[in-house]
Amino acid sequence: MKQQLLPCRSSVLPMRLWSLTVTDILFVTDLDGTFLQPDVTVSERTRNILIPLLEQGLPLTAATARTSFSVMPIIKGLPLKLPLILQNGAVLHDPVHDRIISAHPIPQKAFREICTVYADAGMNGFVFCVPADKLECCYTALTTPHMQRYYQERRVKYDKPFRQVGSLIGLAENNPVYMSLNAPKAVLDPVCETVRQIGGISVAYYRDVYEPDIWYLEVSAEDASKYHGVMELKQMTGAKTVVGFGDNHNDLPLFAACDVKIAVENAADAIKDLADIIIGRNTEDAVAEYLRSVFPAKEGTV
């Protein structure tokens, strides 16, 4: 039976988790709309709650569509030690040394087919590549207001490096790991339908948390999703049970990898329908409050 906690004031966890030690469990939270505030920051309240818990060994990480360029400044000051699942699982990133641990390139054939679909639709977006051990963001032209806003925000706010190229299809041999388009849903729907028919890829299609009239179409390799990222991290850490927090449609793969699924109150209906537990809103620091209520229940256990 689904547990409703609005806002989270309880230390409720499914009974099967109470006997687990901290080395048995892994907490994974989405960022935008789940963990972060509407101004894309970690609130002071969340920081005050989580810093001592993380220093005590709280096994927490994040799974997000964001890149390391924006995530690292956002989480600065939080002593997160576990690898971060970035770009919907395309990249695992070490937050301690700020380096890529693993990346999953899109197959070259599939990448070229997607570029052709984009060109036929008169669209282009951003392509993220890992030519060596560093991530780079490439584009041909900033052809829409949405691309321009994305570019300006990331350049100014996060000092994100961009590289303008002559064509996207020429990046096929540069280890492209992630492709991102943003536009109104009516514009992206037919593109998404065509892209989904291409083999060897994983597609995330969802409404933007901050601009509800804008949707994101994001493509990665078939073995790169929040699901695969969580499973890879679960194997690395030896965790037996995963508890995940989410709010949007791109968190469906995250929930598929979780033993316990927790939705924030502001989550999309599809996420709430799958959730085992519903907590308060992201603006109420509900994830941090929930973690404080369950960790540590007593020394050395959750």
Protein backbone atom coordinates (compact mmCIF):
# COMPACT_ATOMS: atom_id res chain seq x y z
CA MET A 1 0.00 0.00 0.00
CA LYS A 2 1.30 3.45 -0.92
CA GLN A 3 2.32 5.63 2.00
CA GLN A 4 1.42 9.32 1.80
CA LEU A 5 3.63 11.66 3.80
CA LEU A 6 2.77 15.32 3.19
CA PRO A 7 5.03 16.89 4.22
CA CYS A 8 7.49 14.26 5.37
CA ARG A 9 7.37 14.13 9.16
CA SER A 10 7.74 10.38 9.62
CA SER A 11 10.53 7.84 9.73
CA VAL A 12 8.50 5.40 7.68
CA LEU A 13 10.38 2.97 5.46
CA PRO A 14 9.19 -0.41 4.22
CA MET A 15 9.88 -2.93 6.96
CA ARG A 16 12.32 -4.92 4.85
CA LEU A 17 14.81 -2.01 5.01
CA TRP A 18 15.11 -1.61 8.74
CA SER A 19 17.66 -4.41 9.18
CA LEU A 20 19.98 -3.17 6.42
CA THR A 21 23.36 -1.65 7.28
CA VAL A 22 24.54 1.49 5.50
CA THR A 23 26.70 -0.62 3.19
CA ASP A 24 23.61 -2.51 2.00
CA ILE A 25 21.57 0.48 0.85
CA LEU A 26 21.93 3.18 -1.78
CA PHE A 27 19.88 6.39 -1.91
CA VAL A 28 19.60 8.01 -5.36
CA THR A 29 17.87 11.34 -5.93
CA ASP A 30 16.96 13.23 -9.05
CA LEU A 31 17.95 16.91 -8.89
CA ASP A 32 15.66 19.34 -10.75
CA GLY A 33 12.14 19.32 -9.36
CA THR A 34 13.04 16.76 -6.69
CA PHE A 35 16.09 17.84 -4.70
CA LEU A 36 16.75 21.39 -5.93
CA GLN A 37 14.81 24.58 -5.31
CA PRO A 38 13.08 26.42 -8.20
CA ASP A 39 16.11 28.73 -8.45
CA VAL A 40 18.27 25.65 -9.17
CA THR A 41 20.08 25.68 -5.83
CA VAL A 42 20.48 23.40 -2.85
CA SER A 43 18.69 25.22 -0.04
CA GLU A 44 20.48 26.18 3.16
CA ARG A 45 18.08 23.96 5.08
CA THR A 46 18.90 20.92 2.95
CA ARG A 47 22.62 21.64 3.32
CA ASN A 48 22.33 21.90 7.09
CA ILE A 49 20.48 18.58 7.23
CA LEU A 50 22.63 16.61 4.80
CA ILE A 51 26.19 17.72 5.50
CA PRO A 52 26.40 15.99 8.92
CA LEU A 53 24.57 12.93 7.58
CA LEU A 54 26.93 12.64 4.61
CA GLU A 55 29.90 13.03 6.94
CA GLN A 56 28.48 10.13 8.98
CA GLY A 57 28.34 7.99 5.84
CA LEU A 58 24.89 8.54 4.33
CA PRO A 59 25.08 6.58 1.02
CA LEU A 60 23.54 9.24 -1.24
CA THR A 61 24.12 10.15 -4.86
CA ALA A 62 22.26 11.93 -7.67
CA ALA A 63 20.89 10.81 -11.04
CA THR A 64 20.22 13.72 -13.37
CA ALA A 65 20.04 14.84 -16.98
CA ARG A 66 22.56 17.56 -16.16
CA THR A 67 26.25 17.51 -17.03
CA SER A 68 29.16 17.80 -14.63
CA PHE A 69 29.61 21.43 -15.73
CA SER A 70 26.40 22.48 -13.98
CA VAL A 71 26.12 19.77 -11.32
CA MET A 72 29.50 20.36 -9.68
CA PRO A 73 28.84 24.08 -8.92
CA ILE A 74 25.30 23.26 -7.72
CA ILE A 75 26.42 20.60 -5.21
CA LYS A 76 29.57 22.44 -4.13
CA GLY A 77 29.99 22.10 -0.37
CA LEU A 78 28.03 18.85 -0.09
CA PRO A 79 30.47 16.03 0.78
CA LEU A 80 29.06 13.57 -1.76
CA LYS A 81 31.51 10.73 -2.30
CA LEU A 82 29.62 8.23 -4.45
CA PRO A 83 29.76 8.53 -8.25
CA LEU A 84 27.12 10.77 -9.81
CA ILE A 85 24.84 9.44 -12.56
CA LEU A 86 24.86 12.24 -15.13
CA GLN A 87 23.15 12.93 -18.46
CA ASN A 88 20.45 10.36 -17.71
CA GLY A 89 23.06 7.64 -17.19
CA ALA A 90 25.37 8.31 -20.13
CA VAL A 91 28.19 9.28 -17.77
CA LEU A 92 29.31 8.23 -14.28
CA HIS A 93 31.26 11.05 -12.65
CA ASP A 94 33.54 11.08 -9.61
CA PRO A 95 32.56 14.18 -7.57
CA VAL A 96 35.61 13.96 -5.31
CA HIS A 97 38.18 14.26 -8.11
CA ASP A 98 35.80 15.86 -10.65
CA ARG A 99 36.51 13.32 -13.37
CA ILE A 100 34.63 10.92 -15.63
CA ILE A 101 34.60 7.32 -14.45
CA SER A 102 32.74 5.79 -17.38
CA ALA A 103 30.91 6.92 -20.50
CA HIS A 104 28.69 5.09 -22.98
CA PRO A 105 29.00 6.38 -26.58
CA ILE A 106 26.03 6.31 -28.94
CA PRO A 107 26.69 3.80 -31.76
CA GLN A 108 28.01 5.65 -34.81
CA LYS A 109 25.34 4.29 -37.16
CA ALA A 110 22.53 5.32 -34.82
CA PHE A 111 24.13 8.72 -34.25
CA ARG A 112 24.29 9.43 -37.98
CA GLU A 113 20.66 8.36 -38.42
CA ILE A 114 19.56 10.71 -35.64
CA CYS A 115 21.49 13.59 -37.18
CA THR A 116 19.70 12.91 -40.47
CA VAL A 117 16.32 12.97 -38.71
CA TYR A 118 17.21 16.30 -37.12
CA ALA A 119 18.35 17.75 -40.45
CA ASP A 120 15.19 16.57 -42.25
CA ALA A 121 13.11 18.29 -39.55
CA GLY A 122 15.16 21.48 -39.85
CA MET A 123 16.37 21.13 -36.27
CA ASN A 124 19.67 20.87 -34.49
CA GLY A 125 20.58 20.62 -30.84
CA PHE A 126 23.51 20.06 -28.55
CA VAL A 127 25.77 17.02 -28.75
CA PHE A 128 27.96 16.03 -25.81
CA CYS A 129 31.13 14.10 -26.64
CA VAL A 130 33.95 12.51 -24.67
CA PRO A 131 36.81 12.53 -27.21
CA ALA A 132 39.35 11.79 -24.46
CA ASP A 133 38.54 11.97 -20.75
CA LYS A 134 36.85 15.38 -20.87
CA LEU A 135 33.27 16.21 -21.76
CA GLU A 136 32.61 18.81 -24.45
CA CYS A 137 29.36 20.33 -25.69
CA CYS A 138 29.04 20.95 -29.44
CA TYR A 139 26.48 22.73 -31.61
CA THR A 140 26.21 24.08 -35.15
CA ALA A 141 24.03 27.16 -34.58
CA LEU A 142 21.76 28.61 -31.91
CA THR A 143 18.68 28.55 -34.11
CA THR A 144 15.88 28.84 -31.53
CA PRO A 145 15.21 31.05 -28.49
CA HIS A 146 15.28 27.90 -26.36
CA MET A 147 18.78 26.97 -27.53
CA GLN A 148 19.92 30.55 -27.00
CA ARG A 149 18.60 30.60 -23.43
CA TYR A 150 20.22 27.24 -22.68
CA TYR A 151 23.54 28.44 -24.10
CA GLN A 152 23.50 31.77 -22.28
CA GLU A 153 22.51 30.31 -18.92
CA ARG A 154 25.15 27.58 -19.02
CA ARG A 155 27.87 29.92 -20.25
CA VAL A 156 27.18 32.68 -17.73
CA LYS A 157 26.04 30.71 -14.70
CA TYR A 158 28.26 27.62 -14.93
CA ASP A 159 31.07 28.68 -17.28
CA LYS A 160 30.21 25.68 -19.44
CA PRO A 161 32.51 25.28 -22.46
CA PHE A 162 30.83 25.05 -25.87
CA ARG A 163 32.36 24.30 -29.27
CA GLN A 164 30.72 25.36 -32.51
CA VAL A 165 31.12 22.84 -35.34
CA GLY A 166 30.27 22.76 -39.03
CA SER A 167 27.96 19.74 -38.77
CA LEU A 168 26.72 17.42 -36.06
CA ILE A 169 27.11 14.28 -38.14
CA GLY A 170 30.86 14.89 -38.25
CA LEU A 171 30.99 14.20 -34.49
CA ALA A 172 30.21 10.50 -34.97
CA GLU A 173 33.82 9.50 -34.30
CA ASN A 174 34.24 11.80 -31.27
CA ASN A 175 32.48 9.44 -28.84
CA PRO A 176 29.12 11.26 -28.67
CA VAL A 177 27.41 10.18 -25.46
CA TYR A 178 24.36 12.45 -25.34
CA MET A 179 22.14 14.45 -27.69
CA SER A 180 19.69 17.09 -26.48
CA LEU A 181 16.88 18.96 -28.25
CA ASN A 182 14.47 21.36 -26.59
CA ALA A 183 11.36 22.85 -28.19
CA PRO A 184 7.57 22.97 -27.77
CA LYS A 185 5.98 19.52 -27.61
CA ALA A 186 4.06 19.94 -30.86
CA VAL A 187 7.36 20.53 -32.66
CA LEU A 188 9.23 17.66 -31.00
CA ASP A 189 6.51 14.98 -31.11
CA PRO A 190 7.09 13.87 -34.73
CA VAL A 191 10.87 14.00 -34.28
CA CYS A 192 10.64 11.89 -31.14
CA GLU A 193 8.41 9.34 -32.87
CA THR A 194 10.95 8.90 -35.67
CA VAL A 195 13.97 8.80 -33.37
CA ARG A 196 12.38 6.11 -31.18
CA GLN A 197 12.39 3.77 -34.20
CA ILE A 198 16.20 3.86 -34.40
CA GLY A 199 17.93 0.90 -32.79
CA GLY A 200 20.74 0.94 -30.24
CA ILE A 201 19.63 4.04 -28.34
CA SER A 202 17.78 5.12 -25.21
CA VAL A 203 15.33 8.05 -25.45
CA ALA A 204 14.14 10.36 -22.66
CA TYR A 205 11.24 12.68 -23.55
CA TYR A 206 9.79 14.95 -20.89
CA ARG A 207 8.47 18.40 -20.00
CA ASP A 208 10.94 20.97 -18.67
CA VAL A 209 10.55 21.62 -14.94
CA TYR A 210 11.21 25.36 -15.32
CA GLU A 211 9.52 26.14 -18.67
CA PRO A 212 6.34 24.03 -18.88
CA ASP A 213 5.79 24.83 -22.57
CA ILE A 214 9.19 23.36 -23.46
CA TRP A 215 9.97 19.65 -23.79
CA TYR A 216 13.32 17.88 -23.91
CA LEU A 217 14.22 15.07 -26.29
CA GLU A 218 17.42 13.45 -25.05
CA VAL A 219 19.19 10.51 -26.66
CA SER A 220 21.94 8.28 -25.32
CA ALA A 221 23.22 4.78 -25.98
CA GLU A 222 20.93 1.83 -25.32
CA ASP A 223 22.99 0.87 -22.26
CA ALA A 224 22.94 4.45 -20.94
CA SER A 225 19.91 5.45 -18.87
CA LYS A 226 19.21 6.23 -15.25
CA TYR A 227 18.30 2.55 -14.91
CA HIS A 228 21.65 1.38 -16.24
CA GLY A 229 23.50 4.04 -14.23
CA VAL A 230 21.89 2.88 -11.00
CA MET A 231 22.58 -0.78 -11.78
CA GLU A 232 26.22 0.01 -12.59
CA LEU A 233 26.59 1.93 -9.34
CA LYS A 234 24.78 -0.78 -7.38
CA GLN A 235 27.32 -3.30 -8.63
CA MET A 236 30.24 -0.97 -7.84
CA THR A 237 29.09 -0.35 -4.26
CA GLY A 238 27.71 -3.80 -3.48
CA ALA A 239 24.41 -2.27 -2.34
CA LYS A 240 21.55 -4.73 -1.94
CA THR A 241 18.69 -2.22 -1.99
CA VAL A 242 18.17 1.05 -3.86
CA VAL A 243 15.85 3.82 -2.68
CA GLY A 244 15.13 6.44 -5.35
CA PHE A 245 13.53 9.91 -5.35
CA GLY A 246 12.02 11.41 -8.51
CA ASP A 247 9.51 13.81 -10.02
CA ASN A 248 9.50 13.70 -13.83
CA HIS A 249 9.10 11.29 -16.74
CA ASN A 250 12.86 10.90 -17.19
CA ASP A 251 12.87 9.37 -13.69
CA LEU A 252 10.84 6.37 -14.87
CA PRO A 253 14.06 4.43 -15.69
CA LEU A 254 15.39 5.41 -12.26
CA PHE A 255 12.29 3.99 -10.59
CA ALA A 256 12.66 0.80 -12.65
CA ALA A 257 16.00 0.21 -10.91
CA CYS A 258 14.75 0.99 -7.39
CA ASP A 259 13.46 -1.35 -4.72
CA VAL A 260 11.73 1.57 -3.00
CA LYS A 261 10.36 4.41 -5.14
CA ILE A 262 9.67 7.79 -3.51
CA ALA A 263 7.93 10.66 -5.32
CA VAL A 264 7.81 14.28 -4.24
CA GLU A 265 4.33 15.78 -4.03
CA ASN A 266 4.95 17.99 -7.09
CA ALA A 267 5.83 14.96 -9.23
CA ALA A 268 4.13 14.04 -12.49
CA ASP A 269 1.19 11.67 -12.14
CA ALA A 270 3.10 8.87 -13.89
CA ILE A 271 5.76 9.04 -11.17
CA LYS A 272 3.25 9.22 -8.32
CA ASP A 273 1.39 6.22 -9.70
CA LEU A 274 4.55 4.10 -9.44
CA ALA A 275 5.73 5.44 -6.09
CA ASP A 276 5.71 3.37 -2.91
CA ILE A 277 5.85 6.57 -0.85
CA ILE A 278 4.90 10.18 -1.57
CA ILE A 279 6.66 12.86 0.47
CA GLY A 280 6.43 16.67 0.48
CA ARG A 281 7.38 19.07 -2.29
CA ASN A 282 10.90 19.89 -3.43
CA THR A 283 10.32 23.43 -2.11
CA GLU A 284 9.78 21.91 1.37
CA ASP A 285 13.21 20.19 1.35
CA ALA A 286 11.28 16.93 1.46
CA VAL A 287 14.14 14.68 0.30
CA ALA A 288 16.50 15.97 2.99
CA GLU A 289 13.79 15.80 5.65
CA TYR A 290 12.99 12.23 4.68
CA LEU A 291 16.64 11.20 4.78
CA ARG A 292 17.02 12.79 8.21
CA SER A 293 14.02 10.81 9.42
CA VAL A 294 15.51 7.46 8.41
CA PHE A 295 19.29 7.90 8.75
CA PRO A 296 20.66 6.86 11.07
CA ALA A 297 17.83 5.12 12.93
CA LYS A 298 20.53 3.85 15.24
CA GLU A 299 24.27 3.78 14.98
CA GLY A 300 25.43 1.80 11.95
CA THR A 301 21.98 0.96 10.59
CA VAL A 302 19.23 2.47 8.49
